[in-house]
């Protein structure tokens, strides 16, 4: 019987220290008056991130060698993860006219928090770490209202504006420079059922979103065979279960359009 006592606390501490390492000027404790002070604070946060991650791994992995292998791999991947997160900041700043500066995005934007935690969780998901990746993203879900499964594949320059109610499923793929608004769902259209009545797992269930796609508030895009082509625009409250060509715009008809015989674009 596995002992998960302390796992949740370790995962939350790891996530908090991860933010402290990324942005010690915002999230690390204590004063820092010089560049050397800031670098020292970042190093402390880095060390604490992996101390907490190791404690968490000890609750879900039995092999000490595998634990050390996971830790080493994640350490090697962190610089690339940080670079991805910096592109997300840039996307938010360039994509929101209300953003006064990038500091505001780091400190105040829930979409940025959810995406950043996802970036770390995704690395652990790729390494087939049980429990921890999902706990990280669900922790962010509980604090931001944004539900990103750690299995999703998301390119650089990703921006979720406002964010509340966004759901991104496990097998979703998202290209570069994609922008989502609140209450967007990238989900499964249906679930395959095995002969014994159980759900078939490990298959493609969620859509693919191409580069430079904009998806407006309340839109729902479903299905593993649904591909949204690059530079497409999905209008608010649209229900999409079929592929969309590049540069196409999809929008729902208003009552007035239906009366006038207008067509869906």
Protein backbone atom coordinates (compact mmCIF):
# COMPACT_ATOMS: atom_id res chain seq x y z
CA UNK A 1 0.00 0.00 0.00
CA UNK A 2 1.44 3.36 -1.07
CA UNK A 3 1.83 6.09 1.51
CA UNK A 4 0.81 9.43 -0.01
CA UNK A 5 1.00 11.39 3.24
CA UNK A 6 2.91 14.58 2.56
CA UNK A 7 2.63 14.27 -1.23
CA UNK A 8 0.21 17.14 -1.74
CA UNK A 9 2.27 19.50 0.41
CA UNK A 10 5.48 18.58 -1.39
CA UNK A 11 3.87 19.15 -4.80
CA UNK A 12 2.54 22.57 -3.81
CA UNK A 13 5.87 23.60 -2.29
CA UNK A 14 7.70 22.43 -5.41
CA UNK A 15 5.40 24.53 -7.60
CA UNK A 16 5.84 27.60 -5.38
CA UNK A 17 9.63 27.29 -5.34
CA UNK A 18 9.61 26.78 -9.11
CA UNK A 19 8.02 30.22 -9.45
CA UNK A 20 10.54 31.53 -6.95
CA UNK A 21 13.39 30.25 -9.14
CA UNK A 22 11.83 31.64 -12.33
CA UNK A 23 11.17 35.07 -10.83
CA UNK A 24 13.04 35.52 -7.55
CA UNK A 25 12.46 39.28 -7.74
CA UNK A 26 8.72 38.60 -7.29
CA UNK A 27 8.28 35.35 -5.44
CA UNK A 28 11.39 34.68 -3.33
CA UNK A 29 11.38 35.82 0.30
CA UNK A 30 13.62 38.52 1.73
CA UNK A 31 15.36 41.59 0.39
CA UNK A 32 17.80 41.55 -2.50
CA UNK A 33 19.80 44.73 -2.98
CA UNK A 34 22.35 43.58 -5.55
CA UNK A 35 22.52 41.27 -8.56
CA UNK A 36 24.52 38.84 -6.44
CA UNK A 37 21.76 38.81 -3.82
CA UNK A 38 19.18 38.01 -6.50
CA UNK A 39 21.29 35.21 -7.96
CA UNK A 40 21.73 33.76 -4.49
CA UNK A 41 17.99 33.87 -3.88
CA UNK A 42 17.34 32.17 -7.23
CA UNK A 43 19.80 29.42 -6.35
CA UNK A 44 18.05 28.79 -3.03
CA UNK A 45 14.69 28.54 -4.80
CA UNK A 46 16.18 26.16 -7.39
CA UNK A 47 17.54 23.90 -4.67
CA UNK A 48 14.25 23.94 -2.77
CA UNK A 49 12.34 23.11 -5.96
CA UNK A 50 14.26 19.89 -6.33
CA UNK A 51 14.24 19.07 -2.64
CA UNK A 52 10.45 19.19 -2.68
CA UNK A 53 10.26 17.34 -6.00
CA UNK A 54 12.47 14.58 -4.62
CA UNK A 55 10.23 14.25 -1.55
CA UNK A 56 7.21 14.00 -3.81
CA UNK A 57 8.87 11.43 -6.07
CA UNK A 58 9.67 9.26 -3.07
CA UNK A 59 5.91 8.92 -2.51
CA UNK A 60 5.14 7.72 -6.04
CA UNK A 61 8.34 5.96 -7.20
CA UNK A 62 10.02 3.02 -5.48
CA UNK A 63 13.30 2.87 -7.41
CA UNK A 64 15.91 5.36 -6.08
CA UNK A 65 17.81 5.23 -9.37
CA UNK A 66 14.70 6.19 -11.33
CA UNK A 67 14.08 9.08 -8.95
CA UNK A 68 17.59 10.41 -9.52
CA UNK A 69 17.23 9.92 -13.27
CA UNK A 70 13.99 11.96 -13.27
CA UNK A 71 15.59 14.73 -11.22
CA UNK A 72 18.62 14.91 -13.53
CA UNK A 73 16.47 15.01 -16.66
CA UNK A 74 14.24 17.76 -15.29
CA UNK A 75 17.28 19.82 -14.23
CA UNK A 76 18.66 19.53 -17.77
CA UNK A 77 15.30 20.57 -19.25
CA UNK A 78 14.65 23.57 -16.99
CA UNK A 79 16.54 26.16 -19.09
CA UNK A 80 14.41 25.26 -22.12
CA UNK A 81 11.27 25.36 -19.99
CA UNK A 82 12.18 28.82 -18.77
CA UNK A 83 12.70 30.02 -22.34
CA UNK A 84 9.22 28.76 -23.25
CA UNK A 85 7.73 30.60 -20.29
CA UNK A 86 9.44 33.82 -21.37
CA UNK A 87 7.73 33.49 -24.77
CA UNK A 88 4.39 33.14 -22.97
CA UNK A 89 5.03 36.42 -21.14
CA UNK A 90 5.79 38.10 -24.45
CA UNK A 91 2.61 36.67 -25.99
CA UNK A 92 0.51 38.00 -23.12
CA UNK A 93 2.08 41.45 -23.28
CA UNK A 94 1.68 41.71 -27.05
CA UNK A 95 -1.78 40.16 -27.03
CA UNK A 96 -3.47 42.25 -24.35
CA UNK A 97 -3.72 46.04 -24.79
CA UNK A 98 -4.58 46.31 -21.07
CA UNK A 99 -1.16 44.95 -20.04
CA UNK A 100 0.95 47.86 -18.84
CA UNK A 101 4.18 45.87 -18.54
CA UNK A 102 5.47 42.32 -18.24
CA UNK A 103 5.73 42.54 -14.44
CA UNK A 104 1.96 42.87 -14.30
CA UNK A 105 1.58 39.68 -16.33
CA UNK A 106 3.82 37.68 -14.02
CA UNK A 107 2.17 38.96 -10.86
CA UNK A 108 -1.49 39.26 -11.86
CA UNK A 109 -2.42 37.08 -14.84
CA UNK A 110 -3.97 33.70 -13.91
CA UNK A 111 -3.46 32.38 -17.43
CA UNK A 112 0.27 32.92 -17.13
CA UNK A 113 0.40 31.13 -13.77
CA UNK A 114 -1.52 28.14 -15.13
CA UNK A 115 0.62 27.89 -18.27
CA UNK A 116 3.90 28.17 -16.34
CA UNK A 117 2.99 25.38 -13.92
CA UNK A 118 1.84 23.32 -16.90
CA UNK A 119 5.26 23.71 -18.54
CA UNK A 120 6.94 22.00 -15.56
CA UNK A 121 4.20 19.40 -15.15
CA UNK A 122 4.43 18.49 -18.83
CA UNK A 123 8.11 17.59 -18.46
CA UNK A 124 7.22 15.20 -15.64
CA UNK A 125 4.33 13.79 -17.67
CA UNK A 126 6.69 13.02 -20.57
CA UNK A 127 8.87 11.11 -18.09
CA UNK A 128 5.78 9.08 -17.08
CA UNK A 129 5.90 10.29 -13.49
CA UNK A 130 2.66 9.19 -11.81
CA UNK A 131 0.33 11.53 -9.91
CA UNK A 132 2.61 14.56 -9.57
CA UNK A 133 2.07 16.23 -12.98
CA UNK A 134 -1.70 16.05 -12.63
CA UNK A 135 -1.54 17.33 -9.07
CA UNK A 136 0.49 20.34 -10.20
CA UNK A 137 -1.96 21.35 -12.91
CA UNK A 138 -4.99 20.66 -10.69
CA UNK A 139 -3.45 22.84 -8.00
CA UNK A 140 -3.31 25.63 -10.58
CA UNK A 141 -6.84 24.73 -11.65
CA UNK A 142 -8.06 25.30 -8.11
CA UNK A 143 -6.37 28.70 -7.87
CA UNK A 144 -6.92 30.05 -11.41
CA UNK A 145 -10.00 28.27 -12.76
CA UNK A 146 -7.92 27.06 -15.73
CA UNK A 147 -7.70 23.30 -16.30
CA UNK A 148 -4.77 22.22 -18.49
CA UNK A 149 -3.99 18.51 -18.53
CA UNK A 150 -0.22 17.97 -18.26
CA UNK A 151 -0.33 15.64 -21.26
CA UNK A 152 -1.31 18.40 -23.68
CA UNK A 153 1.35 19.59 -26.13
CA UNK A 154 1.56 23.39 -26.27
CA UNK A 155 3.92 25.44 -28.41
CA UNK A 156 5.63 28.73 -27.52
CA UNK A 157 3.96 32.14 -27.28
CA UNK A 158 0.76 30.78 -25.74
CA UNK A 159 -1.70 33.23 -24.17
CA UNK A 160 -4.92 32.64 -22.25
CA UNK A 161 -6.72 35.94 -21.70
CA UNK A 162 -8.94 36.19 -18.59
CA UNK A 163 -8.85 32.41 -18.38
CA UNK A 164 -11.68 31.33 -16.09
CA UNK A 165 -13.30 28.11 -17.24
CA UNK A 166 -10.71 27.13 -19.87
CA UNK A 167 -10.32 23.35 -20.28
CA UNK A 168 -7.53 21.77 -22.36
CA UNK A 169 -7.64 17.98 -22.65
CA UNK A 170 -4.83 15.46 -22.40
CA UNK A 171 -4.23 14.76 -26.12
CA UNK A 172 -4.70 18.33 -27.33
CA UNK A 173 -1.91 19.82 -29.43
CA UNK A 174 -1.54 23.59 -29.74
CA UNK A 175 0.84 25.35 -32.11
CA UNK A 176 2.72 28.63 -31.79
CA UNK A 177 1.23 32.06 -31.08
CA UNK A 178 -2.20 30.70 -30.13
CA UNK A 179 -4.60 32.86 -28.11
CA UNK A 180 -7.58 31.61 -26.09
CA UNK A 181 -10.20 33.55 -24.19
CA UNK A 182 -12.24 32.49 -21.16
CA UNK A 183 -14.52 29.43 -21.10
CA UNK A 184 -12.89 27.77 -24.11
CA UNK A 185 -13.04 23.96 -24.10
CA UNK A 186 -10.67 21.79 -26.13
CA UNK A 187 -12.24 18.45 -25.33
CA UNK A 188 -13.27 14.98 -26.41
CA UNK A 189 -16.27 14.45 -28.68
CA UNK A 190 -16.95 10.93 -27.44
CA UNK A 191 -15.24 8.07 -25.62
CA UNK A 192 -14.49 4.66 -27.10
CA UNK A 193 -15.75 1.79 -24.98
CA UNK A 194 -14.09 -1.64 -24.78
CA UNK A 195 -16.01 -4.92 -24.94
CA UNK A 196 -16.09 -5.13 -21.16
CA UNK A 197 -17.75 -1.71 -20.97
CA UNK A 198 -14.71 0.21 -19.72
CA UNK A 199 -13.41 3.36 -21.41
CA UNK A 200 -10.50 2.89 -23.82
CA UNK A 201 -7.54 4.95 -22.58
CA UNK A 202 -4.40 6.21 -24.27
CA UNK A 203 -5.95 7.20 -27.61
CA UNK A 204 -6.22 10.56 -29.37
CA UNK A 205 -9.41 12.27 -28.13
CA UNK A 206 -8.80 16.01 -28.31
CA UNK A 207 -8.33 18.52 -31.14
CA UNK A 208 -5.24 19.92 -32.81
CA UNK A 209 -4.92 23.72 -32.94
CA UNK A 210 -2.64 25.21 -35.59
CA UNK A 211 -0.32 28.19 -35.37
CA UNK A 212 -1.68 31.70 -34.83
CA UNK A 213 -5.24 30.55 -34.12
CA UNK A 214 -7.52 32.77 -32.03
CA UNK A 215 -10.39 31.12 -30.12
CA UNK A 216 -12.92 33.49 -28.57
CA UNK A 217 -14.86 33.18 -25.33
CA UNK A 218 -17.18 30.24 -24.83
CA UNK A 219 -16.07 28.29 -27.90
CA UNK A 220 -16.06 24.48 -27.69
CA UNK A 221 -13.85 22.42 -30.00
CA UNK A 222 -14.19 18.65 -29.73
CA UNK A 223 -12.71 15.47 -31.15
CA UNK A 224 -9.41 13.79 -31.84
CA UNK A 225 -9.94 14.13 -35.60
CA UNK A 226 -10.69 17.84 -35.42
CA UNK A 227 -7.90 20.05 -36.75
CA UNK A 228 -8.08 23.84 -36.67
CA UNK A 229 -5.86 25.16 -39.45
CA UNK A 230 -3.28 27.87 -38.96
CA UNK A 231 -4.49 31.48 -38.75
CA UNK A 232 -8.11 30.42 -38.28
CA UNK A 233 -10.50 32.32 -36.01
CA UNK A 234 -13.14 30.55 -33.92
CA UNK A 235 -15.86 32.93 -32.82
CA UNK A 236 -17.42 33.13 -29.39
CA UNK A 237 -19.78 30.34 -28.30
CA UNK A 238 -19.09 28.34 -31.47
CA UNK A 239 -19.50 24.54 -31.27
CA UNK A 240 -16.92 22.91 -33.54
CA UNK A 241 -16.70 19.16 -34.17
CA UNK A 242 -15.18 19.25 -37.65
CA UNK A 243 -11.87 20.44 -39.05
CA UNK A 244 -11.44 24.06 -40.05
CA UNK A 245 -9.28 25.21 -42.96
CA UNK A 246 -6.41 27.68 -42.52
CA UNK A 247 -7.53 31.34 -42.40
CA UNK A 248 -11.19 30.29 -42.06
CA UNK A 249 -13.49 32.10 -39.63
CA UNK A 250 -16.17 30.14 -37.78
CA UNK A 251 -19.00 31.94 -36.04
CA UNK A 252 -22.52 31.18 -34.92
CA UNK A 253 -25.49 32.81 -36.60
CA UNK A 254 -27.51 35.39 -34.78
CA UNK A 255 -31.30 35.28 -34.84
CA UNK A 256 -31.29 38.21 -37.24
CA UNK A 257 -28.93 36.43 -39.63
CA UNK A 258 -31.13 33.36 -39.67
CA UNK A 259 -34.21 35.47 -40.46
CA UNK A 260 -32.34 37.15 -43.30
CA UNK A 261 -31.14 33.83 -44.66
CA UNK A 262 -27.53 34.55 -43.75
CA UNK A 263 -25.08 31.67 -43.83
CA UNK A 264 -22.58 30.43 -41.32
CA UNK A 265 -19.07 31.55 -42.16
